[in-house]
Amino acid sequence: MKTPPPGLELTPRERDLVRGIVAGRTNREIATELRLGEQAVKNVSSIVYHKCHVRNRLELALFAVRHRLISD
């Protein structure tokens, strides 16, 4: 397994969001869990996609697992 790419820094909130996406949760489920609005989840998702150079949830989930962005 790879380690996170150099320079990639995710905030705790972004890591929580990635954890939810990897777990297969919907935006609504993530929003409820993190006590955010759905639009906030979408905004944070966009930021994380940009930071990780991915285009969608599937690519992000694969990237997160491959680079060990989250821990169990």
Protein backbone atom coordinates (compact mmCIF):
# COMPACT_ATOMS: atom_id res chain seq x y z
CA MET A 1 0.00 0.00 0.00
CA LYS A 2 1.04 3.54 -0.68
CA THR A 3 1.26 6.33 1.84
CA PRO A 4 -0.54 9.64 1.28
CA PRO A 5 1.07 11.70 -1.47
CA PRO A 6 3.51 14.34 -0.19
CA GLY A 7 1.81 17.65 0.44
CA LEU A 8 -1.70 16.19 0.64
CA GLU A 9 -3.26 17.51 3.82
CA LEU A 10 -6.88 16.87 4.69
CA THR A 11 -8.64 18.54 7.58
CA PRO A 12 -10.36 16.36 10.18
CA ARG A 13 -13.72 17.27 8.60
CA GLU A 14 -12.46 16.25 5.15
CA ARG A 15 -11.19 12.95 6.56
CA ASP A 16 -14.60 12.32 8.15
CA LEU A 17 -16.24 12.95 4.78
CA VAL A 18 -13.81 10.60 3.01
CA ARG A 19 -14.53 7.95 5.65
CA GLY A 20 -18.25 8.29 4.92
CA ILE A 21 -17.74 8.04 1.17
CA VAL A 22 -15.52 4.96 1.54
CA ALA A 23 -18.26 3.41 3.71
CA GLY A 24 -20.77 3.98 0.90
CA ARG A 25 -22.89 6.57 2.68
CA THR A 26 -25.01 9.07 0.76
CA ASN A 27 -24.52 12.82 1.06
CA ARG A 28 -27.62 12.95 3.24
CA GLU A 29 -26.27 10.25 5.58
CA ILE A 30 -22.89 11.97 5.79
CA ALA A 31 -24.58 15.31 6.46
CA THR A 32 -26.61 13.82 9.30
CA GLU A 33 -23.60 12.07 10.80
CA LEU A 34 -21.40 15.18 10.63
CA ARG A 35 -24.22 17.58 11.55
CA LEU A 36 -23.87 19.52 8.31
CA GLY A 37 -26.23 20.52 5.56
CA GLU A 38 -26.20 18.48 2.37
CA GLN A 39 -24.84 21.46 0.44
CA ALA A 40 -21.93 21.70 2.88
CA VAL A 41 -21.16 18.02 2.23
CA LYS A 42 -21.19 18.71 -1.51
CA ASN A 43 -18.88 21.70 -1.04
CA VAL A 44 -16.40 19.76 1.10
CA SER A 45 -16.55 16.87 -1.39
CA SER A 46 -15.57 19.21 -4.21
CA ILE A 47 -12.63 20.50 -2.21
CA VAL A 48 -11.45 16.96 -1.45
CA TYR A 49 -11.85 15.89 -5.10
CA HIS A 50 -9.66 18.81 -6.11
CA LYS A 51 -7.01 18.09 -3.46
CA CYS A 52 -6.86 14.41 -4.44
CA HIS A 53 -7.08 15.03 -8.20
CA VAL A 54 -10.11 12.78 -8.63
CA ARG A 55 -13.42 13.35 -10.40
CA ASN A 56 -16.01 11.43 -8.42
CA ARG A 57 -16.86 9.41 -5.31
CA LEU A 58 -15.63 6.12 -6.71
CA GLU A 59 -12.26 7.55 -7.68
CA LEU A 60 -12.00 9.19 -4.25
CA ALA A 61 -12.84 5.94 -2.43
CA LEU A 62 -10.22 4.04 -4.44
CA PHE A 63 -7.66 6.80 -3.91
CA ALA A 64 -8.37 6.89 -0.17
CA VAL A 65 -7.92 3.15 0.24
CA ARG A 66 -4.86 3.01 -2.01
CA HIS A 67 -3.13 5.89 -0.21
CA ARG A 68 -4.35 5.07 3.31
CA LEU A 69 -6.08 8.38 3.81
CA ILE A 70 -8.29 6.98 6.53
CA SER A 71 -7.79 4.53 9.34
CA ASP A 72 -10.33 2.08 10.72
